[in-house]
Structures are given as C-alpha cells and as structure tokens.
Amino acid sequence: MTRSSDSERVRRLNAAIEYVRKCGTPAEAAAALSNKYGLSRRQAYRYVREAQHTRHLLPEPESKIVFTVKIPERLVQEIRLFATSSGKSISDVVTQALDTFLRRGKRRGRT
C-alpha cells in the first residue's frame, strides 16, 4: 500500500474535521470518511482521532514542480549543509529563502 501525498493527507484530515463536527459519534465520522475515500476503518479512525485535536481546517499545500537552475557549487554545498543541520529538505530551504527574498523586494516598492 502506498502512502498518501501531503495534499491527499490534508484533504482527508479536513474531511475528517468536517465529519467530526457534523456526525454524532467518532464511529459515524470514521464510517463516512471510510466510505468517501475507500479507507479501512482503522485508518479512518486515525484521521478522526487527529481531527478531534485539530480546531481549524488545514490549508492544502501548493503543488510543486521541478525548476532547474545553475548555481555555484559552493552555494549548493551550503544549502545541503543547512538543510541537513535544520532537518529540512533542500526544496523547503530553497523555497523559504526565495519567498523571503522576493517578499523583501516587494516591501521596498519593487515588483
């Protein structure tokens, strides 16, 4: 059995949150979730348990695409080292750095 993607997991958890709010019991919520996504009852209960401790719907992660660039080898080594030491993926580190850089430019009146 394959693992669900992050976006699929968030979708299922958000559905579980809604079912917990609407249904009378966790068993009813798990049954509805199981029917909607074709999950085993056991897996549906896991989502329901997590949903019971989550107050708000979660934002769905943006889809990602491959984007290849050429950068100096030294910078690649620094990115890898930083990612390893912070426990993040290289993609997460680069995304966060680019988001920060681009937002900083917008604050200074650039487009």
PDB file of N, CA and C in Angstrom:
ATOM      1  N   MET A   1       0.844  -1.184   0.000  1.00  0.00           N
ATOM      2  CA  MET A   1       0.000   0.000   0.000  1.00  0.00           C
ATOM      3  C   MET A   1       0.889   1.247   0.000  1.00  0.00           C
ATOM      4  N   THR A   2       0.559   2.203  -0.843  1.00  0.00           N
ATOM      5  CA  THR A   2       1.358   3.414  -0.934  1.00  0.00           C
ATOM      6  C   THR A   2       0.878   4.455   0.070  1.00  0.00           C
ATOM      7  N   ARG A   3       1.825   5.299   0.451  1.00  0.00           N
ATOM      8  CA  ARG A   3       1.479   6.389   1.361  1.00  0.00           C
ATOM      9  C   ARG A   3       0.774   7.486   0.585  1.00  0.00           C
ATOM     10  N   SER A   4      -0.098   8.203   1.268  1.00  0.00           N
ATOM     11  CA  SER A   4      -0.778   9.312   0.599  1.00  0.00           C
ATOM     12  C   SER A   4       0.166  10.513   0.545  1.00  0.00           C
ATOM     13  N   SER A   5      -0.038  11.355  -0.448  1.00  0.00           N
ATOM     14  CA  SER A   5       0.758  12.570  -0.566  1.00  0.00           C
ATOM     15  C   SER A   5       0.346  13.542   0.538  1.00  0.00           C
ATOM     16  N   ASP A   6       1.158  14.573   0.733  1.00  0.00           N
ATOM     17  CA  ASP A   6       0.827  15.576   1.750  1.00  0.00           C
ATOM     18  C   ASP A   6      -0.521  16.225   1.465  1.00  0.00           C
ATOM     19  N   SER A   7      -0.778  16.534   0.194  1.00  0.00           N
ATOM     20  CA  SER A   7      -2.049  17.194  -0.120  1.00  0.00           C
ATOM     21  C   SER A   7      -3.232  16.251   0.092  1.00  0.00           C
ATOM     22  N   GLU A   8      -3.052  14.966  -0.236  1.00  0.00           N
ATOM     23  CA  GLU A   8      -4.123  13.993  -0.016  1.00  0.00           C
ATOM     24  C   GLU A   8      -4.376  13.814   1.486  1.00  0.00           C
ATOM     25  N   ARG A   9      -3.310  13.791   2.264  1.00  0.00           N
ATOM     26  CA  ARG A   9      -3.440  13.646   3.715  1.00  0.00           C
ATOM     27  C   ARG A   9      -4.197  14.838   4.301  1.00  0.00           C
ATOM     28  N   VAL A  10      -3.865  16.052   3.855  1.00  0.00           N
ATOM     29  CA  VAL A  10      -4.549  17.250   4.340  1.00  0.00           C
ATOM     30  C   VAL A  10      -6.019  17.217   3.930  1.00  0.00           C
ATOM     31  N   ARG A  11      -6.294  16.804   2.688  1.00  0.00           N
ATOM     32  CA  ARG A  11      -7.681  16.696   2.220  1.00  0.00           C
ATOM     33  C   ARG A  11      -8.483  15.742   3.107  1.00  0.00           C
ATOM     34  N   ARG A  12      -7.896  14.589   3.406  1.00  0.00           N
ATOM     35  CA  ARG A  12      -8.580  13.597   4.243  1.00  0.00           C
ATOM     36  C   ARG A  12      -8.758  14.104   5.666  1.00  0.00           C
ATOM     37  N   LEU A  13      -7.750  14.751   6.200  1.00  0.00           N
ATOM     38  CA  LEU A  13      -7.858  15.282   7.557  1.00  0.00           C
ATOM     39  C   LEU A  13      -8.917  16.375   7.622  1.00  0.00           C
ATOM     40  N   ASN A  14      -8.958  17.245   6.633  1.00  0.00           N
ATOM     41  CA  ASN A  14     -10.001  18.282   6.601  1.00  0.00           C
ATOM     42  C   ASN A  14     -11.392  17.665   6.508  1.00  0.00           C
ATOM     43  N   ALA A  15     -11.522  16.605   5.713  1.00  0.00           N
ATOM     44  CA  ALA A  15     -12.815  15.910   5.633  1.00  0.00           C
ATOM     45  C   ALA A  15     -13.164  15.305   6.991  1.00  0.00           C
ATOM     46  N   ALA A  16     -12.176  14.735   7.653  1.00  0.00           N
ATOM     47  CA  ALA A  16     -12.410  14.151   8.981  1.00  0.00           C
ATOM     48  C   ALA A  16     -12.849  15.224   9.967  1.00  0.00           C
ATOM     49  N   ILE A  17     -12.233  16.402   9.900  1.00  0.00           N
ATOM     50  CA  ILE A  17     -12.631  17.515  10.780  1.00  0.00           C
ATOM     51  C   ILE A  17     -14.101  17.866  10.548  1.00  0.00           C
ATOM     52  N   GLU A  18     -14.491  17.943   9.278  1.00  0.00           N
ATOM     53  CA  GLU A  18     -15.883  18.248   8.954  1.00  0.00           C
ATOM     54  C   GLU A  18     -16.829  17.152   9.459  1.00  0.00           C
ATOM     55  N   TYR A  19     -16.454  15.897   9.261  1.00  0.00           N
ATOM     56  CA  TYR A  19     -17.306  14.790   9.720  1.00  0.00           C
ATOM     57  C   TYR A  19     -17.401  14.758  11.237  1.00  0.00           C
ATOM     58  N   VAL A  20     -16.320  15.061  11.927  1.00  0.00           N
ATOM     59  CA  VAL A  20     -16.365  15.098  13.404  1.00  0.00           C
ATOM     60  C   VAL A  20     -17.353  16.174  13.855  1.00  0.00           C
ATOM     61  N   ARG A  21     -17.366  17.300  13.161  1.00  0.00           N
ATOM     62  CA  ARG A  21     -18.290  18.385  13.508  1.00  0.00           C
ATOM     63  C   ARG A  21     -19.747  18.007  13.219  1.00  0.00           C
ATOM     64  N   LYS A  22     -19.985  17.298  12.089  1.00  0.00           N
ATOM     65  CA  LYS A  22     -21.342  17.001  11.644  1.00  0.00           C
ATOM     66  C   LYS A  22     -21.931  15.737  12.265  1.00  0.00           C
ATOM     67  N   CYS A  23     -21.107  14.711  12.430  1.00  0.00           N
ATOM     68  CA  CYS A  23     -21.612  13.416  12.876  1.00  0.00           C
ATOM     69  C   CYS A  23     -21.746  13.375  14.396  1.00  0.00           C
ATOM     70  N   GLY A  24     -22.608  12.508  14.851  1.00  0.00           N
ATOM     71  CA  GLY A  24     -22.859  12.405  16.284  1.00  0.00           C
ATOM     72  C   GLY A  24     -21.745  11.706  17.054  1.00  0.00           C
ATOM     73  N   THR A  25     -21.094  10.743  16.428  1.00  0.00           N
ATOM     74  CA  THR A  25     -20.075   9.967  17.143  1.00  0.00           C
ATOM     75  C   THR A  25     -18.825   9.814  16.261  1.00  0.00           C
ATOM     76  N   PRO A  26     -17.691   9.523  16.898  1.00  0.00           N
ATOM     77  CA  PRO A  26     -16.479   9.239  16.121  1.00  0.00           C
ATOM     78  C   PRO A  26     -16.664   8.047  15.175  1.00  0.00           C
ATOM     79  N   ALA A  27     -17.467   7.073  15.590  1.00  0.00           N
ATOM     80  CA  ALA A  27     -17.711   5.903  14.747  1.00  0.00           C
ATOM     81  C   ALA A  27     -18.421   6.303  13.456  1.00  0.00           C
ATOM     82  N   GLU A  28     -19.410   7.213  13.556  1.00  0.00           N
ATOM     83  CA  GLU A  28     -20.109   7.687  12.362  1.00  0.00           C
ATOM     84  C   GLU A  28     -19.170   8.488  11.459  1.00  0.00           C
ATOM     85  N   ALA A  29     -18.320   9.318  12.077  1.00  0.00           N
ATOM     86  CA  ALA A  29     -17.360  10.106  11.304  1.00  0.00           C
ATOM     87  C   ALA A  29     -16.385   9.191  10.576  1.00  0.00           C
ATOM     88  N   ALA A  30     -15.889   8.164  11.261  1.00  0.00           N
ATOM     89  CA  ALA A  30     -14.952   7.222  10.651  1.00  0.00           C
ATOM     90  C   ALA A  30     -15.616   6.445   9.520  1.00  0.00           C
ATOM     91  N   ALA A  31     -16.870   6.053   9.706  1.00  0.00           N
ATOM     92  CA  ALA A  31     -17.589   5.329   8.657  1.00  0.00           C
ATOM     93  C   ALA A  31     -17.771   6.202   7.419  1.00  0.00           C
ATOM     94  N   ALA A  32     -18.133   7.468   7.627  1.00  0.00           N
ATOM     95  CA  ALA A  32     -18.326   8.385   6.498  1.00  0.00           C
ATOM     96  C   ALA A  32     -17.008   8.623   5.763  1.00  0.00           C
ATOM     97  N   LEU A  33     -15.937   8.794   6.511  1.00  0.00           N
ATOM     98  CA  LEU A  33     -14.619   9.017   5.922  1.00  0.00           C
ATOM     99  C   LEU A  33     -14.147   7.779   5.168  1.00  0.00           C
ATOM    100  N   SER A  34     -14.386   6.626   5.749  1.00  0.00           N
ATOM    101  CA  SER A  34     -14.021   5.362   5.115  1.00  0.00           C
ATOM    102  C   SER A  34     -14.751   5.191   3.789  1.00  0.00           C
ATOM    103  N   ASN A  35     -16.030   5.517   3.771  1.00  0.00           N
ATOM    104  CA  ASN A  35     -16.826   5.414   2.540  1.00  0.00           C
ATOM    105  C   ASN A  35     -16.368   6.406   1.476  1.00  0.00           C
ATOM    106  N   LYS A  36     -16.088   7.628   1.886  1.00  0.00           N
ATOM    107  CA  LYS A  36     -15.726   8.665   0.924  1.00  0.00           C
ATOM    108  C   LYS A  36     -14.387   8.377   0.242  1.00  0.00           C
ATOM    109  N   TYR A  37     -13.391   7.919   1.021  1.00  0.00           N
ATOM    110  CA  TYR A  37     -12.040   7.757   0.484  1.00  0.00           C
ATOM    111  C   TYR A  37     -11.621   6.301   0.292  1.00  0.00           C
ATOM    112  N   GLY A  38     -12.488   5.359   0.615  1.00  0.00           N
ATOM    113  CA  GLY A  38     -12.125   3.955   0.453  1.00  0.00           C
ATOM    114  C   GLY A  38     -11.039   3.521   1.424  1.00  0.00           C
ATOM    115  N   LEU A  39     -11.049   4.110   2.608  1.00  0.00           N
ATOM    116  CA  LEU A  39     -10.060   3.776   3.640  1.00  0.00           C
ATOM    117  C   LEU A  39     -10.546   2.612   4.486  1.00  0.00           C
ATOM    118  N   SER A  40      -9.611   1.931   5.107  1.00  0.00           N
ATOM    119  CA  SER A  40     -10.013   0.939   6.104  1.00  0.00           C
ATOM    120  C   SER A  40     -10.585   1.692   7.300  1.00  0.00           C
ATOM    121  N   ARG A  41     -11.396   1.010   8.084  1.00  0.00           N
ATOM    122  CA  ARG A  41     -11.958   1.656   9.280  1.00  0.00           C
ATOM    123  C   ARG A  41     -10.847   2.101  10.229  1.00  0.00           C
ATOM    124  N   ARG A  42      -9.825   1.269  10.327  1.00  0.00           N
ATOM    125  CA  ARG A  42      -8.705   1.580  11.219  1.00  0.00           C
ATOM    126  C   ARG A  42      -8.030   2.895  10.813  1.00  0.00           C
ATOM    127  N   GLN A  43      -7.758   3.054   9.498  1.00  0.00           N
ATOM    128  CA  GLN A  43      -7.131   4.278   9.010  1.00  0.00           C
ATOM    129  C   GLN A  43      -8.071   5.468   9.180  1.00  0.00           C
ATOM    130  N   ALA A  44      -9.347   5.262   8.921  1.00  0.00           N
ATOM    131  CA  ALA A  44     -10.323   6.338   9.092  1.00  0.00           C
ATOM    132  C   ALA A  44     -10.357   6.804  10.547  1.00  0.00           C
ATOM    133  N   TYR A  45     -10.286   5.870  11.495  1.00  0.00           N
ATOM    134  CA  TYR A  45     -10.255   6.233  12.916  1.00  0.00           C
ATOM    135  C   TYR A  45      -9.013   7.048  13.252  1.00  0.00           C
ATOM    136  N   ARG A  46      -7.885   6.757  12.603  1.00  0.00           N
ATOM    137  CA  ARG A  46      -6.663   7.541  12.850  1.00  0.00           C
ATOM    138  C   ARG A  46      -6.893   8.998  12.449  1.00  0.00           C
ATOM    139  N   TYR A  47      -7.495   9.184  11.281  1.00  0.00           N
ATOM    140  CA  TYR A  47      -7.794  10.549  10.840  1.00  0.00           C
ATOM    141  C   TYR A  47      -8.786  11.221  11.791  1.00  0.00           C
ATOM    142  N   VAL A  48      -9.799  10.485  12.231  1.00  0.00           N
ATOM    143  CA  VAL A  48     -10.804  11.048  13.139  1.00  0.00           C
ATOM    144  C   VAL A  48     -10.165  11.446  14.467  1.00  0.00           C
ATOM    145  N   ARG A  49      -9.295  10.593  14.993  1.00  0.00           N
ATOM    146  CA  ARG A  49      -8.605  10.935  16.256  1.00  0.00           C
ATOM    147  C   ARG A  49      -7.790  12.209  16.101  1.00  0.00           C
ATOM    148  N   GLU A  50      -7.068  12.326  14.995  1.00  0.00           N
ATOM    149  CA  GLU A  50      -6.283  13.539  14.763  1.00  0.00           C
ATOM    150  C   GLU A  50      -7.209  14.742  14.587  1.00  0.00           C
ATOM    151  N   ALA A  51      -8.317  14.544  13.893  1.00  0.00           N
ATOM    152  CA  ALA A  51      -9.270  15.638  13.657  1.00  0.00           C
ATOM    153  C   ALA A  51      -9.870  16.154  14.963  1.00  0.00           C
ATOM    154  N   GLN A  52     -10.060  15.272  15.926  1.00  0.00           N
ATOM    155  CA  GLN A  52     -10.639  15.675  17.210  1.00  0.00           C
ATOM    156  C   GLN A  52      -9.725  16.640  17.966  1.00  0.00           C
ATOM    157  N   HIS A  53      -8.428  16.634  17.630  1.00  0.00           N
ATOM    158  CA  HIS A  53      -7.468  17.512  18.306  1.00  0.00           C
ATOM    159  C   HIS A  53      -7.073  18.707  17.440  1.00  0.00           C
ATOM    160  N   THR A  54      -7.726  18.849  16.290  1.00  0.00           N
ATOM    161  CA  THR A  54      -7.418  19.939  15.376  1.00  0.00           C
ATOM    162  C   THR A  54      -8.621  20.862  15.315  1.00  0.00           C
ATOM    163  N   ARG A  55      -8.409  22.136  15.626  1.00  0.00           N
ATOM    164  CA  ARG A  55      -9.529  23.073  15.715  1.00  0.00           C
ATOM    165  C   ARG A  55      -9.986  23.610  14.361  1.00  0.00           C
ATOM    166  N   HIS A  56      -9.027  23.855  13.468  1.00  0.00           N
ATOM    167  CA  HIS A  56      -9.355  24.520  12.207  1.00  0.00           C
ATOM    168  C   HIS A  56      -8.951  23.650  11.020  1.00  0.00           C
ATOM    169  N   LEU A  57      -9.608  23.890   9.893  1.00  0.00           N
ATOM    170  CA  LEU A  57      -9.215  23.209   8.665  1.00  0.00           C
ATOM    171  C   LEU A  57      -7.797  23.632   8.298  1.00  0.00           C
ATOM    172  N   LEU A  58      -7.050  22.715   7.728  1.00  0.00           N
ATOM    173  CA  LEU A  58      -5.669  22.988   7.360  1.00  0.00           C
ATOM    174  C   LEU A  58      -5.598  23.475   5.912  1.00  0.00           C
ATOM    175  N   PRO A  59      -4.686  24.398   5.622  1.00  0.00           N
ATOM    176  CA  PRO A  59      -4.538  24.829   4.233  1.00  0.00           C
ATOM    177  C   PRO A  59      -3.883  23.717   3.413  1.00  0.00           C
ATOM    178  N   GLU A  60      -4.376  23.519   2.205  1.00  0.00           N
ATOM    179  CA  GLU A  60      -3.785  22.484   1.348  1.00  0.00           C
ATOM    180  C   GLU A  60      -2.456  22.981   0.816  1.00  0.00           C
ATOM    181  N   PRO A  61      -1.431  22.127   0.847  1.00  0.00           N
ATOM    182  CA  PRO A  61      -0.131  22.553   0.316  1.00  0.00           C
ATOM    183  C   PRO A  61      -0.206  22.809  -1.187  1.00  0.00           C
ATOM    184  N   GLU A  62       0.571  23.771  -1.630  1.00  0.00           N
ATOM    185  CA  GLU A  62       0.615  24.068  -3.058  1.00  0.00           C
ATOM    186  C   GLU A  62       1.295  22.923  -3.792  1.00  0.00           C
ATOM    187  N   SER A  63       0.871  22.684  -5.019  1.00  0.00           N
ATOM    188  CA  SER A  63       1.552  21.666  -5.813  1.00  0.00           C
ATOM    189  C   SER A  63       2.926  22.208  -6.192  1.00  0.00           C
ATOM    190  N   LYS A  64       3.867  21.306  -6.401  1.00  0.00           N
ATOM    191  CA  LYS A  64       5.233  21.701  -6.702  1.00  0.00           C
ATOM    192  C   LYS A  64       5.639  21.170  -8.067  1.00  0.00           C
ATOM    193  N   ILE A  65       6.548  21.896  -8.700  1.00  0.00           N
ATOM    194  CA  ILE A  65       7.099  21.465  -9.978  1.00  0.00           C
ATOM    195  C   ILE A  65       8.613  21.510  -9.888  1.00  0.00           C
ATOM    196  N   VAL A  66       9.268  20.808 -10.780  1.00  0.00           N
ATOM    197  CA  VAL A  66      10.722  20.818 -10.830  1.00  0.00           C
ATOM    198  C   VAL A  66      11.159  22.092 -11.539  1.00  0.00           C
ATOM    199  N   PHE A  67      12.153  22.755 -10.973  1.00  0.00           N
ATOM    200  CA  PHE A  67      12.676  24.002 -11.517  1.00  0.00           C
ATOM    201  C   PHE A  67      14.188  23.929 -11.403  1.00  0.00           C
ATOM    202  N   THR A  68      14.856  23.802 -12.518  1.00  0.00           N
ATOM    203  CA  THR A  68      16.303  23.592 -12.521  1.00  0.00           C
ATOM    204  C   THR A  68      17.030  24.898 -12.795  1.00  0.00           C
ATOM    205  N   VAL A  69      18.027  25.188 -11.972  1.00  0.00           N
ATOM    206  CA  VAL A  69      18.857  26.376 -12.153  1.00  0.00           C
ATOM    207  C   VAL A  69      20.317  25.994 -11.961  1.00  0.00           C
ATOM    208  N   LYS A  70      21.200  26.790 -12.503  1.00  0.00           N
ATOM    209  CA  LYS A  70      22.627  26.596 -12.295  1.00  0.00           C
ATOM    210  C   LYS A  70      23.099  27.604 -11.255  1.00  0.00           C
ATOM    211  N   ILE A  71      23.679  27.102 -10.183  1.00  0.00           N
ATOM    212  CA  ILE A  71      24.221  27.969  -9.141  1.00  0.00           C
ATOM    213  C   ILE A  71      25.607  27.455  -8.777  1.00  0.00           C
ATOM    214  N   PRO A  72      26.436  28.301  -8.163  1.00  0.00           N
ATOM    215  CA  PRO A  72      27.795  27.876  -7.818  1.00  0.00           C
ATOM    216  C   PRO A  72      27.801  26.655  -6.886  1.00  0.00           C
ATOM    217  N   GLU A  73      28.774  25.799  -7.095  1.00  0.00           N
ATOM    218  CA  GLU A  73      28.897  24.570  -6.297  1.00  0.00           C
ATOM    219  C   GLU A  73      28.993  24.882  -4.806  1.00  0.00           C
ATOM    220  N   ARG A  74      29.705  25.964  -4.466  1.00  0.00           N
ATOM    221  CA  ARG A  74      29.849  26.358  -3.056  1.00  0.00           C
ATOM    222  C   ARG A  74      28.480  26.599  -2.431  1.00  0.00           C
ATOM    223  N   LEU A  75      27.587  27.249  -3.177  1.00  0.00           N
ATOM    224  CA  LEU A  75      26.253  27.548  -2.672  1.00  0.00           C
ATOM    225  C   LEU A  75      25.439  26.265  -2.486  1.00  0.00           C
ATOM    226  N   VAL A  76      25.588  25.343  -3.426  1.00  0.00           N
ATOM    227  CA  VAL A  76      24.903  24.049  -3.310  1.00  0.00           C
ATOM    228  C   VAL A  76      25.350  23.343  -2.031  1.00  0.00           C
ATOM    229  N   GLN A  77      26.641  23.352  -1.770  1.00  0.00           N
ATOM    230  CA  GLN A  77      27.166  22.705  -0.561  1.00  0.00           C
ATOM    231  C   GLN A  77      26.611  23.364   0.699  1.00  0.00           C
ATOM    232  N   GLU A  78      26.531  24.691   0.679  1.00  0.00           N
ATOM    233  CA  GLU A  78      25.988  25.403   1.843  1.00  0.00           C
ATOM    234  C   GLU A  78      24.509  25.084   2.057  1.00  0.00           C
ATOM    235  N   ILE A  79      23.766  25.013   0.965  1.00  0.00           N
ATOM    236  CA  ILE A  79      22.336  24.692   1.060  1.00  0.00           C
ATOM    237  C   ILE A  79      22.159  23.288   1.626  1.00  0.00           C
ATOM    238  N   ARG A  80      22.922  22.336   1.116  1.00  0.00           N
ATOM    239  CA  ARG A  80      22.832  20.955   1.616  1.00  0.00           C
ATOM    240  C   ARG A  80      23.178  20.884   3.097  1.00  0.00           C
ATOM    241  N   LEU A  81      24.239  21.578   3.501  1.00  0.00           N
ATOM    242  CA  LEU A  81      24.654  21.572   4.904  1.00  0.00           C
ATOM    243  C   LEU A  81      23.571  22.189   5.789  1.00  0.00           C
ATOM    244  N   PHE A  82      23.029  23.324   5.342  1.00  0.00           N
ATOM    245  CA  PHE A  82      21.975  23.980   6.115  1.00  0.00           C
ATOM    246  C   PHE A  82      20.738  23.091   6.227  1.00  0.00           C
ATOM    247  N   ALA A  83      20.349  22.473   5.117  1.00  0.00           N
ATOM    248  CA  ALA A  83      19.165  21.601   5.122  1.00  0.00           C
ATOM    249  C   ALA A  83      19.360  20.440   6.090  1.00  0.00           C
ATOM    250  N   THR A  84      20.529  19.826   6.044  1.00  0.00           N
ATOM    251  CA  THR A  84      20.816  18.695   6.937  1.00  0.00           C
ATOM    252  C   THR A  84      20.790  19.131   8.397  1.00  0.00           C
ATOM    253  N   SER A  85      21.434  20.257   8.698  1.00  0.00           N
ATOM    254  CA  SER A  85      21.504  20.705  10.094  1.00  0.00           C
ATOM    255  C   SER A  85      20.159  21.172  10.635  1.00  0.00           C
ATOM    256  N   SER A  86      19.287  21.668   9.747  1.00  0.00           N
ATOM    257  CA  SER A  86      17.980  22.155  10.201  1.00  0.00           C
ATOM    258  C   SER A  86      16.896  21.082  10.156  1.00  0.00           C
ATOM    259  N   GLY A  87      17.208  19.915   9.541  1.00  0.00           N
ATOM    260  CA  GLY A  87      16.222  18.851   9.440  1.00  0.00           C
ATOM    261  C   GLY A  87      15.165  19.115   8.379  1.00  0.00           C
ATOM    262  N   LYS A  88      15.453  20.030   7.465  1.00  0.00           N
ATOM    263  CA  LYS A  88      14.512  20.344   6.393  1.00  0.00           C
ATOM    264  C   LYS A  88      15.017  19.762   5.084  1.00  0.00           C
ATOM    265  N   SER A  89      14.122  19.668   4.114  1.00  0.00           N
ATOM    266  CA  SER A  89      14.546  19.227   2.789  1.00  0.00           C
ATOM    267  C   SER A  89      15.194  20.401   2.060  1.00  0.00           C
ATOM    268  N   ILE A  90      16.005  20.088   1.063  1.00  0.00           N
ATOM    269  CA  ILE A  90      16.616  21.143   0.254  1.00  0.00           C
ATOM    270  C   ILE A  90      15.525  21.990  -0.394  1.00  0.00           C
ATOM    271  N   SER A  91      14.476  21.350  -0.888  1.00  0.00           N
ATOM    272  CA  SER A  91      13.365  22.097  -1.512  1.00  0.00           C
ATOM    273  C   SER A  91      12.749  23.087  -0.540  1.00  0.00           C
ATOM    274  N   ASP A  92      12.552  22.662   0.719  1.00  0.00           N
ATOM    275  CA  ASP A  92      11.961  23.559   1.713  1.00  0.00           C
ATOM    276  C   ASP A  92      12.872  24.742   2.011  1.00  0.00           C
ATOM    277  N   VAL A  93      14.172  24.490   2.115  1.00  0.00           N
ATOM    278  CA  VAL A  93      15.132  25.560   2.393  1.00  0.00           C
ATOM    279  C   VAL A  93      15.143  26.577   1.258  1.00  0.00           C
ATOM    280  N   VAL A  94      15.233  26.095   0.024  1.00  0.00           N
ATOM    281  CA  VAL A  94      15.281  26.995  -1.134  1.00  0.00           C
ATOM    282  C   VAL A  94      13.966  27.747  -1.284  1.00  0.00           C
ATOM    283  N   THR A  95      12.839  27.075  -1.091  1.00  0.00           N
ATOM    284  CA  THR A  95      11.533  27.742  -1.185  1.00  0.00           C
ATOM    285  C   THR A  95      11.429  28.855  -0.160  1.00  0.00           C
ATOM    286  N   GLN A  96      11.821  28.569   1.080  1.00  0.00           N
ATOM    287  CA  GLN A  96      11.745  29.582   2.133  1.00  0.00           C
ATOM    288  C   GLN A  96      12.671  30.760   1.819  1.00  0.00           C
ATOM    289  N   ALA A  97      13.884  30.479   1.347  1.00  0.00           N
ATOM    290  CA  ALA A  97      14.829  31.552   1.014  1.00  0.00           C
ATOM    291  C   ALA A  97      14.301  32.428  -0.120  1.00  0.00           C
ATOM    292  N   LEU A  98      13.768  31.806  -1.169  1.00  0.00           N
ATOM    293  CA  LEU A  98      13.245  32.578  -2.292  1.00  0.00           C
ATOM    294  C   LEU A  98      12.001  33.372  -1.896  1.00  0.00           C
ATOM    295  N   ASP A  99      11.122  32.776  -1.117  1.00  0.00           N
ATOM    296  CA  ASP A  99       9.938  33.507  -0.637  1.00  0.00           C
ATOM    297  C   ASP A  99      10.359  34.747   0.147  1.00  0.00           C
ATOM    298  N   THR A 100      11.322  34.572   1.053  1.00  0.00           N
ATOM    299  CA  THR A 100      11.803  35.682   1.872  1.00  0.00           C
ATOM    300  C   THR A 100      12.428  36.758   1.001  1.00  0.00           C
ATOM    301  N   PHE A 101      13.273  36.358   0.070  1.00  0.00           N
ATOM    302  CA  PHE A 101      13.939  37.306  -0.828  1.00  0.00           C
ATOM    303  C   PHE A 101      12.921  38.078  -1.665  1.00  0.00           C
ATOM    304  N   LEU A 102      11.977  37.385  -2.249  1.00  0.00           N
ATOM    305  CA  LEU A 102      11.002  38.039  -3.118  1.00  0.00           C
ATOM    306  C   LEU A 102      10.061  38.948  -2.331  1.00  0.00           C
ATOM    307  N   ARG A 103       9.658  38.533  -1.140  1.00  0.00           N
ATOM    308  CA  ARG A 103       8.790  39.377  -0.308  1.00  0.00           C
ATOM    309  C   ARG A 103       9.524  40.640   0.125  1.00  0.00           C
ATOM    310  N   ARG A 104      10.808  40.522   0.438  1.00  0.00           N
ATOM    311  CA  ARG A 104      11.603  41.672   0.857  1.00  0.00           C
ATOM    312  C   ARG A 104      11.658  42.697  -0.268  1.00  0.00           C
ATOM    313  N   GLY A 105      11.799  42.238  -1.511  1.00  0.00           N
ATOM    314  CA  GLY A 105      11.817  43.153  -2.658  1.00  0.00           C
ATOM    315  C   GLY A 105      10.507  43.870  -2.841  1.00  0.00           C
ATOM    316  N   LYS A 106       9.400  43.191  -2.591  1.00  0.00           N
ATOM    317  CA  LYS A 106       8.068  43.810  -2.739  1.00  0.00           C
ATOM    318  C   LYS A 106       7.845  44.893  -1.684  1.00  0.00           C
ATOM    319  N   ARG A 107       8.387  44.698  -0.494  1.00  0.00           N
ATOM    320  CA  ARG A 107       8.213  45.694   0.565  1.00  0.00           C
ATOM    321  C   ARG A 107       8.921  46.997   0.236  1.00  0.00           C
ATOM    322  N   ARG A 108       9.981  46.924  -0.567  1.00  0.00           N
ATOM    323  CA  ARG A 108      10.733  48.120  -0.920  1.00  0.00           C
ATOM    324  C   ARG A 108      10.171  48.815  -2.160  1.00  0.00           C
ATOM    325  N   GLY A 109       8.976  48.411  -2.572  1.00  0.00           N
ATOM    326  CA  GLY A 109       8.334  49.070  -3.687  1.00  0.00           C
ATOM    327  C   GLY A 109       8.677  48.489  -5.036  1.00  0.00           C
ATOM    328  N   ARG A 110       9.357  47.340  -5.053  1.00  0.00           N
ATOM    329  CA  ARG A 110       9.676  46.689  -6.321  1.00  0.00           C
ATOM    330  C   ARG A 110       8.565  45.732  -6.679  1.00  0.00           C
ATOM    331  N   THR A 111       8.489  45.358  -7.933  1.00  0.00           N
ATOM    332  CA  THR A 111       7.502  44.367  -8.367  1.00  0.00           C
ATOM    333  C   THR A 111       8.121  43.075  -8.732  1.00  0.00           C
TER     334      THR A 111
END
